[in-house]
Amino acid sequence: MARLVGSIVRQNIVEILYFMKKGYGYEIHKIYLEIFPKISQRLVYYHLKKGLATNEFKIFDIKKEKGSYSWGEIVEKTYYCLGNKASPKVDSRIKEYFDSIKSP
């Protein structure tokens, strides 16, 4: 019996990026936790990397930002967007979340 190609977690990230247009790992993880059961930040990064290989995601931009972090003054943020193979289904839970943060 063969293993399924897709992943529920990765599909949820596809749905989130559909509404965000672009986002970096930590930001995607925070939104994921607002909507779905708890997963680790490491799992989000795993699926972002896996999604790059399957063309569900692509790198939109890589930015270095200054700030006061425990590890230093600069952070490198990799921004992701949807790739050619992404197929968002427009999950109503995610749409409601983004609608609620847009409304005052």
PDB file of N, CA and C in Angstrom:
ATOM      1  N   MET A   1       0.837  -1.181   0.000  1.00  0.00           N
ATOM      2  CA  MET A   1       0.000   0.000   0.000  1.00  0.00           C
ATOM      3  C   MET A   1       0.885   1.248   0.000  1.00  0.00           C
ATOM      4  N   ALA A   2       0.634   2.149  -0.915  1.00  0.00           N
ATOM      5  CA  ALA A   2       1.442   3.356  -1.064  1.00  0.00           C
ATOM      6  C   ALA A   2       0.986   4.445  -0.095  1.00  0.00           C
ATOM      7  N   ARG A   3       1.920   5.284   0.260  1.00  0.00           N
ATOM      8  CA  ARG A   3       1.629   6.410   1.147  1.00  0.00           C
ATOM      9  C   ARG A   3       0.991   7.541   0.340  1.00  0.00           C
ATOM     10  N   LEU A   4       0.046   8.254   0.938  1.00  0.00           N
ATOM     11  CA  LEU A   4      -0.582   9.401   0.273  1.00  0.00           C
ATOM     12  C   LEU A   4       0.442  10.486   0.008  1.00  0.00           C
ATOM     13  N   VAL A   5       0.297  11.171  -1.108  1.00  0.00           N
ATOM     14  CA  VAL A   5       1.247  12.206  -1.496  1.00  0.00           C
ATOM     15  C   VAL A   5       1.045  13.489  -0.698  1.00  0.00           C
ATOM     16  N   GLY A   6      -0.185  13.857  -0.432  1.00  0.00           N
ATOM     17  CA  GLY A   6      -0.476  15.126   0.226  1.00  0.00           C
ATOM     18  C   GLY A   6      -0.358  15.077   1.733  1.00  0.00           C
ATOM     19  N   SER A   7      -0.652  16.202   2.357  1.00  0.00           N
ATOM     20  CA  SER A   7      -0.608  16.325   3.806  1.00  0.00           C
ATOM     21  C   SER A   7      -1.674  17.319   4.235  1.00  0.00           C
ATOM     22  N   ILE A   8      -2.394  16.994   5.297  1.00  0.00           N
ATOM     23  CA  ILE A   8      -3.417  17.908   5.814  1.00  0.00           C
ATOM     24  C   ILE A   8      -2.769  19.193   6.308  1.00  0.00           C
ATOM     25  N   VAL A   9      -1.648  19.066   7.004  1.00  0.00           N
ATOM     26  CA  VAL A   9      -0.954  20.256   7.518  1.00  0.00           C
ATOM     27  C   VAL A   9      -0.509  21.135   6.361  1.00  0.00           C
ATOM     28  N   ARG A  10       0.111  20.542   5.338  1.00  0.00           N
ATOM     29  CA  ARG A  10       0.585  21.339   4.201  1.00  0.00           C
ATOM     30  C   ARG A  10      -0.586  21.980   3.469  1.00  0.00           C
ATOM     31  N   GLN A  11      -1.702  21.258   3.335  1.00  0.00           N
ATOM     32  CA  GLN A  11      -2.879  21.846   2.683  1.00  0.00           C
ATOM     33  C   GLN A  11      -3.413  23.025   3.503  1.00  0.00           C
ATOM     34  N   ASN A  12      -3.381  22.909   4.820  1.00  0.00           N
ATOM     35  CA  ASN A  12      -3.803  24.030   5.667  1.00  0.00           C
ATOM     36  C   ASN A  12      -2.896  25.238   5.472  1.00  0.00           C
ATOM     37  N   ILE A  13      -1.601  24.999   5.300  1.00  0.00           N
ATOM     38  CA  ILE A  13      -0.656  26.097   5.046  1.00  0.00           C
ATOM     39  C   ILE A  13      -0.941  26.718   3.680  1.00  0.00           C
ATOM     40  N   VAL A  14      -1.269  25.893   2.694  1.00  0.00           N
ATOM     41  CA  VAL A  14      -1.667  26.406   1.371  1.00  0.00           C
ATOM     42  C   VAL A  14      -2.864  27.342   1.529  1.00  0.00           C
ATOM     43  N   GLU A  15      -3.850  26.904   2.300  1.00  0.00           N
ATOM     44  CA  GLU A  15      -5.052  27.714   2.517  1.00  0.00           C
ATOM     45  C   GLU A  15      -4.712  29.038   3.193  1.00  0.00           C
ATOM     46  N   ILE A  16      -3.841  28.998   4.198  1.00  0.00           N
ATOM     47  CA  ILE A  16      -3.438  30.213   4.907  1.00  0.00           C
ATOM     48  C   ILE A  16      -2.725  31.164   3.954  1.00  0.00           C
ATOM     49  N   LEU A  17      -1.780  30.644   3.168  1.00  0.00           N
ATOM     50  CA  LEU A  17      -1.048  31.506   2.229  1.00  0.00           C
ATOM     51  C   LEU A  17      -1.949  32.037   1.117  1.00  0.00           C
ATOM     52  N   TYR A  18      -2.996  31.326   0.801  1.00  0.00           N
ATOM     53  CA  TYR A  18      -3.945  31.815  -0.199  1.00  0.00           C
ATOM     54  C   TYR A  18      -4.515  33.168   0.243  1.00  0.00           C
ATOM     55  N   PHE A  19      -4.837  33.282   1.518  1.00  0.00           N
ATOM     56  CA  PHE A  19      -5.395  34.535   2.033  1.00  0.00           C
ATOM     57  C   PHE A  19      -4.319  35.555   2.374  1.00  0.00           C
ATOM     58  N   MET A  20      -3.153  35.097   2.824  1.00  0.00           N
ATOM     59  CA  MET A  20      -2.071  36.016   3.187  1.00  0.00           C
ATOM     60  C   MET A  20      -1.370  36.597   1.956  1.00  0.00           C
ATOM     61  N   LYS A  21      -1.325  35.842   0.879  1.00  0.00           N
ATOM     62  CA  LYS A  21      -0.579  36.142  -0.354  1.00  0.00           C
ATOM     63  C   LYS A  21       0.906  35.835  -0.187  1.00  0.00           C
ATOM     64  N   LYS A  22       1.507  36.248   0.934  1.00  0.00           N
ATOM     65  CA  LYS A  22       2.899  35.906   1.256  1.00  0.00           C
ATOM     66  C   LYS A  22       3.058  35.938   2.768  1.00  0.00           C
ATOM     67  N   GLY A  23       3.996  35.147   3.274  1.00  0.00           N
ATOM     68  CA  GLY A  23       4.225  35.133   4.708  1.00  0.00           C
ATOM     69  C   GLY A  23       5.476  34.346   5.046  1.00  0.00           C
ATOM     70  N   TYR A  24       6.019  34.581   6.236  1.00  0.00           N
ATOM     71  CA  TYR A  24       7.202  33.838   6.684  1.00  0.00           C
ATOM     72  C   TYR A  24       6.774  32.816   7.734  1.00  0.00           C
ATOM     73  N   GLY A  25       7.645  31.848   7.995  1.00  0.00           N
ATOM     74  CA  GLY A  25       7.314  30.689   8.801  1.00  0.00           C
ATOM     75  C   GLY A  25       6.677  30.973  10.144  1.00  0.00           C
ATOM     76  N   TYR A  26       7.273  31.850  10.937  1.00  0.00           N
ATOM     77  CA  TYR A  26       6.754  32.134  12.279  1.00  0.00           C
ATOM     78  C   TYR A  26       5.352  32.735  12.199  1.00  0.00           C
ATOM     79  N   GLU A  27       5.159  33.630  11.251  1.00  0.00           N
ATOM     80  CA  GLU A  27       3.864  34.291  11.056  1.00  0.00           C
ATOM     81  C   GLU A  27       2.794  33.264  10.643  1.00  0.00           C
ATOM     82  N   ILE A  28       3.142  32.364   9.747  1.00  0.00           N
ATOM     83  CA  ILE A  28       2.226  31.307   9.304  1.00  0.00           C
ATOM     84  C   ILE A  28       1.880  30.400  10.484  1.00  0.00           C
ATOM     85  N   HIS A  29       2.885  30.063  11.293  1.00  0.00           N
ATOM     86  CA  HIS A  29       2.674  29.201  12.468  1.00  0.00           C
ATOM     87  C   HIS A  29       1.706  29.847  13.455  1.00  0.00           C
ATOM     88  N   LYS A  30       1.863  31.136  13.718  1.00  0.00           N
ATOM     89  CA  LYS A  30       0.967  31.836  14.653  1.00  0.00           C
ATOM     90  C   LYS A  30      -0.484  31.766  14.171  1.00  0.00           C
ATOM     91  N   ILE A  31      -0.695  31.989  12.904  1.00  0.00           N
ATOM     92  CA  ILE A  31      -2.050  31.942  12.346  1.00  0.00           C
ATOM     93  C   ILE A  31      -2.581  30.512  12.385  1.00  0.00           C
ATOM     94  N   TYR A  32      -1.742  29.548  12.059  1.00  0.00           N
ATOM     95  CA  TYR A  32      -2.143  28.136  12.098  1.00  0.00           C
ATOM     96  C   TYR A  32      -2.684  27.786  13.477  1.00  0.00           C
ATOM     97  N   LEU A  33      -1.988  28.214  14.530  1.00  0.00           N
ATOM     98  CA  LEU A  33      -2.400  27.898  15.895  1.00  0.00           C
ATOM     99  C   LEU A  33      -3.719  28.567  16.277  1.00  0.00           C
ATOM    100  N   GLU A  34      -4.037  29.675  15.650  1.00  0.00           N
ATOM    101  CA  GLU A  34      -5.305  30.367  15.913  1.00  0.00           C
ATOM    102  C   GLU A  34      -6.500  29.577  15.361  1.00  0.00           C
ATOM    103  N   ILE A  35      -6.260  28.758  14.328  1.00  0.00           N
ATOM    104  CA  ILE A  35      -7.350  28.109  13.604  1.00  0.00           C
ATOM    105  C   ILE A  35      -7.418  26.597  13.842  1.00  0.00           C
ATOM    106  N   PHE A  36      -6.269  25.951  13.865  1.00  0.00           N
ATOM    107  CA  PHE A  36      -6.198  24.493  13.899  1.00  0.00           C
ATOM    108  C   PHE A  36      -5.575  23.993  15.198  1.00  0.00           C
ATOM    109  N   PRO A  37      -5.648  22.669  15.444  1.00  0.00           N
ATOM    110  CA  PRO A  37      -4.993  22.095  16.629  1.00  0.00           C
ATOM    111  C   PRO A  37      -3.489  22.374  16.617  1.00  0.00           C
ATOM    112  N   LYS A  38      -2.924  22.392  17.795  1.00  0.00           N
ATOM    113  CA  LYS A  38      -1.519  22.764  17.984  1.00  0.00           C
ATOM    114  C   LYS A  38      -0.566  21.840  17.219  1.00  0.00           C
ATOM    115  N   ILE A  39       0.391  22.458  16.518  1.00  0.00           N
ATOM    116  CA  ILE A  39       1.505  21.754  15.895  1.00  0.00           C
ATOM    117  C   ILE A  39       2.767  22.543  16.211  1.00  0.00           C
ATOM    118  N   SER A  40       3.905  21.921  16.038  1.00  0.00           N
ATOM    119  CA  SER A  40       5.163  22.602  16.336  1.00  0.00           C
ATOM    120  C   SER A  40       5.561  23.529  15.191  1.00  0.00           C
ATOM    121  N   GLN A  41       6.350  24.511  15.530  1.00  0.00           N
ATOM    122  CA  GLN A  41       6.871  25.424  14.521  1.00  0.00           C
ATOM    123  C   GLN A  41       7.776  24.648  13.553  1.00  0.00           C
ATOM    124  N   ARG A  42       8.487  23.672  14.087  1.00  0.00           N
ATOM    125  CA  ARG A  42       9.362  22.834  13.256  1.00  0.00           C
ATOM    126  C   ARG A  42       8.560  22.135  12.158  1.00  0.00           C
ATOM    127  N   LEU A  43       7.341  21.675  12.477  1.00  0.00           N
ATOM    128  CA  LEU A  43       6.501  20.999  11.487  1.00  0.00           C
ATOM    129  C   LEU A  43       6.083  21.960  10.377  1.00  0.00           C
ATOM    130  N   VAL A  44       5.803  23.200  10.725  1.00  0.00           N
ATOM    131  CA  VAL A  44       5.470  24.201   9.704  1.00  0.00           C
ATOM    132  C   VAL A  44       6.655  24.381   8.755  1.00  0.00           C
ATOM    133  N   TYR A  45       7.857  24.533   9.315  1.00  0.00           N
ATOM    134  CA  TYR A  45       9.048  24.711   8.474  1.00  0.00           C
ATOM    135  C   TYR A  45       9.313  23.472   7.615  1.00  0.00           C
ATOM    136  N   TYR A  46       9.058  22.290   8.180  1.00  0.00           N
ATOM    137  CA  TYR A  46       9.222  21.054   7.398  1.00  0.00           C
ATOM    138  C   TYR A  46       8.296  21.090   6.177  1.00  0.00           C
ATOM    139  N   HIS A  47       7.039  21.456   6.388  1.00  0.00           N
ATOM    140  CA  HIS A  47       6.083  21.463   5.277  1.00  0.00           C
ATOM    141  C   HIS A  47       6.342  22.601   4.298  1.00  0.00           C
ATOM    142  N   LEU A  48       6.871  23.709   4.764  1.00  0.00           N
ATOM    143  CA  LEU A  48       7.253  24.767   3.827  1.00  0.00           C
ATOM    144  C   LEU A  48       8.378  24.268   2.919  1.00  0.00           C
ATOM    145  N   LYS A  49       9.360  23.579   3.507  1.00  0.00           N
ATOM    146  CA  LYS A  49      10.472  23.036   2.720  1.00  0.00           C
ATOM    147  C   LYS A  49       9.974  21.954   1.765  1.00  0.00           C
ATOM    148  N   LYS A  50       9.137  21.057   2.259  1.00  0.00           N
ATOM    149  CA  LYS A  50       8.575  19.991   1.424  1.00  0.00           C
ATOM    150  C   LYS A  50       7.728  20.593   0.293  1.00  0.00           C
ATOM    151  N   GLY A  51       6.970  21.632   0.621  1.00  0.00           N
ATOM    152  CA  GLY A  51       6.141  22.304  -0.378  1.00  0.00           C
ATOM    153  C   GLY A  51       6.946  22.997  -1.456  1.00  0.00           C
ATOM    154  N   LEU A  52       8.170  23.437  -1.122  1.00  0.00           N
ATOM    155  CA  LEU A  52       9.057  23.998  -2.147  1.00  0.00           C
ATOM    156  C   LEU A  52       9.421  22.906  -3.157  1.00  0.00           C
ATOM    157  N   ALA A  53       9.702  21.703  -2.644  1.00  0.00           N
ATOM    158  CA  ALA A  53      10.085  20.581  -3.511  1.00  0.00           C
ATOM    159  C   ALA A  53       8.929  20.130  -4.401  1.00  0.00           C
ATOM    160  N   THR A  54       7.697  20.257  -3.913  1.00  0.00           N
ATOM    161  CA  THR A  54       6.526  19.825  -4.691  1.00  0.00           C
ATOM    162  C   THR A  54       5.900  20.973  -5.491  1.00  0.00           C
ATOM    163  N   ASN A  55       6.504  22.136  -5.427  1.00  0.00           N
ATOM    164  CA  ASN A  55       6.018  23.348  -6.114  1.00  0.00           C
ATOM    165  C   ASN A  55       4.674  23.848  -5.608  1.00  0.00           C
ATOM    166  N   GLU A  56       4.315  23.460  -4.383  1.00  0.00           N
ATOM    167  CA  GLU A  56       3.113  24.022  -3.769  1.00  0.00           C
ATOM    168  C   GLU A  56       3.422  25.414  -3.227  1.00  0.00           C
ATOM    169  N   PHE A  57       4.683  25.642  -2.878  1.00  0.00           N
ATOM    170  CA  PHE A  57       5.148  26.944  -2.393  1.00  0.00           C
ATOM    171  C   PHE A  57       6.359  27.357  -3.204  1.00  0.00           C
ATOM    172  N   LYS A  58       6.598  28.656  -3.217  1.00  0.00           N
ATOM    173  CA  LYS A  58       7.846  29.175  -3.763  1.00  0.00           C
ATOM    174  C   LYS A  58       8.319  30.310  -2.870  1.00  0.00           C
ATOM    175  N   ILE A  59       9.585  30.596  -2.946  1.00  0.00           N
ATOM    176  CA  ILE A  59      10.140  31.683  -2.138  1.00  0.00           C
ATOM    177  C   ILE A  59       9.814  32.995  -2.831  1.00  0.00           C
ATOM    178  N   PHE A  60       9.141  33.866  -2.102  1.00  0.00           N
ATOM    179  CA  PHE A  60       8.751  35.174  -2.623  1.00  0.00           C
ATOM    180  C   PHE A  60       9.896  36.168  -2.439  1.00  0.00           C
ATOM    181  N   ASP A  61      10.529  36.121  -1.249  1.00  0.00           N
ATOM    182  CA  ASP A  61      11.588  37.078  -0.930  1.00  0.00           C
ATOM    183  C   ASP A  61      12.329  36.602   0.312  1.00  0.00           C
ATOM    184  N   ILE A  62      13.559  37.054   0.456  1.00  0.00           N
ATOM    185  CA  ILE A  62      14.330  36.818   1.673  1.00  0.00           C
ATOM    186  C   ILE A  62      14.809  38.187   2.142  1.00  0.00           C
ATOM    187  N   LYS A  63      14.424  38.543   3.367  1.00  0.00           N
ATOM    188  CA  LYS A  63      14.762  39.865   3.900  1.00  0.00           C
ATOM    189  C   LYS A  63      15.551  39.739   5.192  1.00  0.00           C
ATOM    190  N   LYS A  64      16.514  40.616   5.350  1.00  0.00           N
ATOM    191  CA  LYS A  64      17.222  40.722   6.621  1.00  0.00           C
ATOM    192  C   LYS A  64      16.657  41.934   7.342  1.00  0.00           C
ATOM    193  N   GLU A  65      16.206  41.710   8.571  1.00  0.00           N
ATOM    194  CA  GLU A  65      15.599  42.788   9.339  1.00  0.00           C
ATOM    195  C   GLU A  65      16.357  42.978  10.643  1.00  0.00           C
ATOM    196  N   LYS A  66      16.544  44.241  10.989  1.00  0.00           N
ATOM    197  CA  LYS A  66      17.231  44.573  12.241  1.00  0.00           C
ATOM    198  C   LYS A  66      16.231  44.588  13.383  1.00  0.00           C
ATOM    199  N   GLY A  67      16.720  44.217  14.551  1.00  0.00           N
ATOM    200  CA  GLY A  67      15.887  44.214  15.740  1.00  0.00           C
ATOM    201  C   GLY A  67      16.719  43.797  16.939  1.00  0.00           C
ATOM    202  N   SER A  68      16.072  43.610  18.045  1.00  0.00           N
ATOM    203  CA  SER A  68      16.752  43.173  19.255  1.00  0.00           C
ATOM    204  C   SER A  68      16.297  41.746  19.564  1.00  0.00           C
ATOM    205  N   TYR A  69      17.078  40.785  19.126  1.00  0.00           N
ATOM    206  CA  TYR A  69      16.738  39.382  19.294  1.00  0.00           C
ATOM    207  C   TYR A  69      17.722  38.726  20.261  1.00  0.00           C
ATOM    208  N   SER A  70      17.325  37.614  20.837  1.00  0.00           N
ATOM    209  CA  SER A  70      18.190  36.926  21.799  1.00  0.00           C
ATOM    210  C   SER A  70      19.478  36.431  21.141  1.00  0.00           C
ATOM    211  N   TRP A  71      19.453  36.218  19.833  1.00  0.00           N
ATOM    212  CA  TRP A  71      20.627  35.700  19.128  1.00  0.00           C
ATOM    213  C   TRP A  71      21.432  36.784  18.424  1.00  0.00           C
ATOM    214  N   GLY A  72      20.961  38.016  18.463  1.00  0.00           N
ATOM    215  CA  GLY A  72      21.696  39.101  17.812  1.00  0.00           C
ATOM    216  C   GLY A  72      20.774  40.205  17.336  1.00  0.00           C
ATOM    217  N   GLU A  73      21.291  41.005  16.422  1.00  0.00           N
ATOM    218  CA  GLU A  73      20.560  42.183  15.972  1.00  0.00           C
ATOM    219  C   GLU A  73      19.886  42.013  14.609  1.00  0.00           C
ATOM    220  N   ILE A  74      20.168  40.913  13.910  1.00  0.00           N
ATOM    221  CA  ILE A  74      19.618  40.733  12.561  1.00  0.00           C
ATOM    222  C   ILE A  74      18.914  39.383  12.466  1.00  0.00           C
ATOM    223  N   VAL A  75      17.776  39.389  11.789  1.00  0.00           N
ATOM    224  CA  VAL A  75      17.038  38.157  11.513  1.00  0.00           C
ATOM    225  C   VAL A  75      16.824  38.078  10.003  1.00  0.00           C
ATOM    226  N   GLU A  76      16.911  36.865   9.470  1.00  0.00           N
ATOM    227  CA  GLU A  76      16.649  36.653   8.056  1.00  0.00           C
ATOM    228  C   GLU A  76      15.296  35.960   7.927  1.00  0.00           C
ATOM    229  N   LYS A  77      14.365  36.607   7.257  1.00  0.00           N
ATOM    230  CA  LYS A  77      13.020  36.067   7.089  1.00  0.00           C
ATOM    231  C   LYS A  77      12.836  35.633   5.639  1.00  0.00           C
ATOM    232  N   THR A  78      12.444  34.379   5.468  1.00  0.00           N
ATOM    233  CA  THR A  78      12.135  33.851   4.144  1.00  0.00           C
ATOM    234  C   THR A  78      10.625  33.924   3.964  1.00  0.00           C
ATOM    235  N   TYR A  79      10.200  34.709   3.001  1.00  0.00           N
ATOM    236  CA  TYR A  79       8.772  34.870   2.711  1.00  0.00           C
ATOM    237  C   TYR A  79       8.370  33.877   1.620  1.00  0.00           C
ATOM    238  N   TYR A  80       7.265  33.174   1.874  1.00  0.00           N
ATOM    239  CA  TYR A  80       6.757  32.173   0.949  1.00  0.00           C
ATOM    240  C   TYR A  80       5.449  32.657   0.332  1.00  0.00           C
ATOM    241  N   CYS A  81       5.165  32.158  -0.861  1.00  0.00           N
ATOM    242  CA  CYS A  81       3.868  32.385  -1.506  1.00  0.00           C
ATOM    243  C   CYS A  81       3.474  31.070  -2.180  1.00  0.00           C
ATOM    244  N   LEU A  82       2.306  31.028  -2.752  1.00  0.00           N
ATOM    245  CA  LEU A  82       1.843  29.797  -3.386  1.00  0.00           C
ATOM    246  C   LEU A  82       2.582  29.540  -4.696  1.00  0.00           C
ATOM    247  N   GLY A  83       2.877  28.267  -4.939  1.00  0.00           N
ATOM    248  CA  GLY A  83       3.513  27.845  -6.180  1.00  0.00           C
ATOM    249  C   GLY A  83       2.476  27.340  -7.171  1.00  0.00           C
ATOM    250  N   ASN A  84       2.954  26.875  -8.326  1.00  0.00           N
ATOM    251  CA  ASN A  84       2.073  26.428  -9.413  1.00  0.00           C
ATOM    252  C   ASN A  84       1.216  25.233  -9.023  1.00  0.00           C
ATOM    253  N   LYS A  85       1.735  24.359  -8.178  1.00  0.00           N
ATOM    254  CA  LYS A  85       1.026  23.114  -7.842  1.00  0.00           C
ATOM    255  C   LYS A  85       0.097  23.253  -6.632  1.00  0.00           C
ATOM    256  N   ALA A  86       0.039  24.428  -6.048  1.00  0.00           N
ATOM    257  CA  ALA A  86      -0.858  24.650  -4.904  1.00  0.00           C
ATOM    258  C   ALA A  86      -2.292  24.648  -5.406  1.00  0.00           C
ATOM    259  N   SER A  87      -3.165  23.978  -4.647  1.00  0.00           N
ATOM    260  CA  SER A  87      -4.575  23.997  -5.028  1.00  0.00           C
ATOM    261  C   SER A  87      -5.429  24.330  -3.810  1.00  0.00           C
ATOM    262  N   PRO A  88      -5.564  25.642  -3.534  1.00  0.00           N
ATOM    263  CA  PRO A  88      -6.388  26.052  -2.399  1.00  0.00           C
ATOM    264  C   PRO A  88      -7.851  25.707  -2.636  1.00  0.00           C
ATOM    265  N   LYS A  89      -8.504  25.276  -1.576  1.00  0.00           N
ATOM    266  CA  LYS A  89      -9.915  24.908  -1.652  1.00  0.00           C
ATOM    267  C   LYS A  89     -10.800  25.944  -0.937  1.00  0.00           C
ATOM    268  N   VAL A  90     -10.189  27.000  -0.437  1.00  0.00           N
ATOM    269  CA  VAL A  90     -10.843  28.085   0.283  1.00  0.00           C
ATOM    270  C   VAL A  90     -11.640  27.541   1.473  1.00  0.00           C
ATOM    271  N   ASP A  91     -10.892  27.088   2.458  1.00  0.00           N
ATOM    272  CA  ASP A  91     -11.454  26.551   3.708  1.00  0.00           C
ATOM    273  C   ASP A  91     -12.206  27.670   4.433  1.00  0.00           C
ATOM    274  N   SER A  92     -13.453  27.409   4.792  1.00  0.00           N
ATOM    275  CA  SER A  92     -14.297  28.437   5.415  1.00  0.00           C
ATOM    276  C   SER A  92     -13.745  28.900   6.762  1.00  0.00           C
ATOM    277  N   ARG A  93     -13.079  28.010   7.508  1.00  0.00           N
ATOM    278  CA  ARG A  93     -12.514  28.403   8.806  1.00  0.00           C
ATOM    279  C   ARG A  93     -11.430  29.461   8.627  1.00  0.00           C
ATOM    280  N   ILE A  94     -10.633  29.308   7.593  1.00  0.00           N
ATOM    281  CA  ILE A  94      -9.547  30.258   7.345  1.00  0.00           C
ATOM    282  C   ILE A  94     -10.109  31.560   6.800  1.00  0.00           C
ATOM    283  N   LYS A  95     -11.082  31.461   5.915  1.00  0.00           N
ATOM    284  CA  LYS A  95     -11.724  32.672   5.375  1.00  0.00           C
ATOM    285  C   LYS A  95     -12.351  33.482   6.503  1.00  0.00           C
ATOM    286  N   GLU A  96     -13.053  32.813   7.415  1.00  0.00           N
ATOM    287  CA  GLU A  96     -13.672  33.507   8.550  1.00  0.00           C
ATOM    288  C   GLU A  96     -12.610  34.174   9.431  1.00  0.00           C
ATOM    289  N   TYR A  97     -11.488  33.498   9.635  1.00  0.00           N
ATOM    290  CA  TYR A  97     -10.409  34.077  10.446  1.00  0.00           C
ATOM    291  C   TYR A  97      -9.908  35.370   9.806  1.00  0.00           C
ATOM    292  N   PHE A  98      -9.594  35.331   8.514  1.00  0.00           N
ATOM    293  CA  PHE A  98      -9.078  36.525   7.847  1.00  0.00           C
ATOM    294  C   PHE A  98     -10.137  37.610   7.727  1.00  0.00           C
ATOM    295  N   ASP A  99     -11.384  37.233   7.533  1.00  0.00           N
ATOM    296  CA  ASP A  99     -12.470  38.229   7.515  1.00  0.00           C
ATOM    297  C   ASP A  99     -12.580  38.921   8.872  1.00  0.00           C
ATOM    298  N   SER A 100     -12.408  38.159   9.960  1.00  0.00           N
ATOM    299  CA  SER A 100     -12.549  38.730  11.308  1.00  0.00           C
ATOM    300  C   SER A 100     -11.404  39.686  11.647  1.00  0.00           C
ATOM    301  N   ILE A 101     -10.209  39.453  11.112  1.00  0.00           N
ATOM    302  CA  ILE A 101      -9.102  40.368  11.425  1.00  0.00           C
ATOM    303  C   ILE A 101      -9.118  41.600  10.522  1.00  0.00           C
ATOM    304  N   LYS A 102      -9.837  41.542   9.415  1.00  0.00           N
ATOM    305  CA  LYS A 102      -9.987  42.710   8.542  1.00  0.00           C
ATOM    306  C   LYS A 102     -11.065  43.644   9.066  1.00  0.00           C
ATOM    307  N   SER A 103     -12.102  43.073   9.679  1.00  0.00           N
ATOM    308  CA  SER A 103     -13.213  43.878  10.179  1.00  0.00           C
ATOM    309  C   SER A 103     -12.857  44.533  11.505  1.00  0.00           C
ATOM    310  N   PRO A 104     -13.257  45.801  11.694  1.00  0.00           N
ATOM    311  CA  PRO A 104     -12.947  46.477  12.975  1.00  0.00           C
ATOM    312  C   PRO A 104     -13.800  45.956  14.112  1.00  0.00           C
TER     313      PRO A 104
END
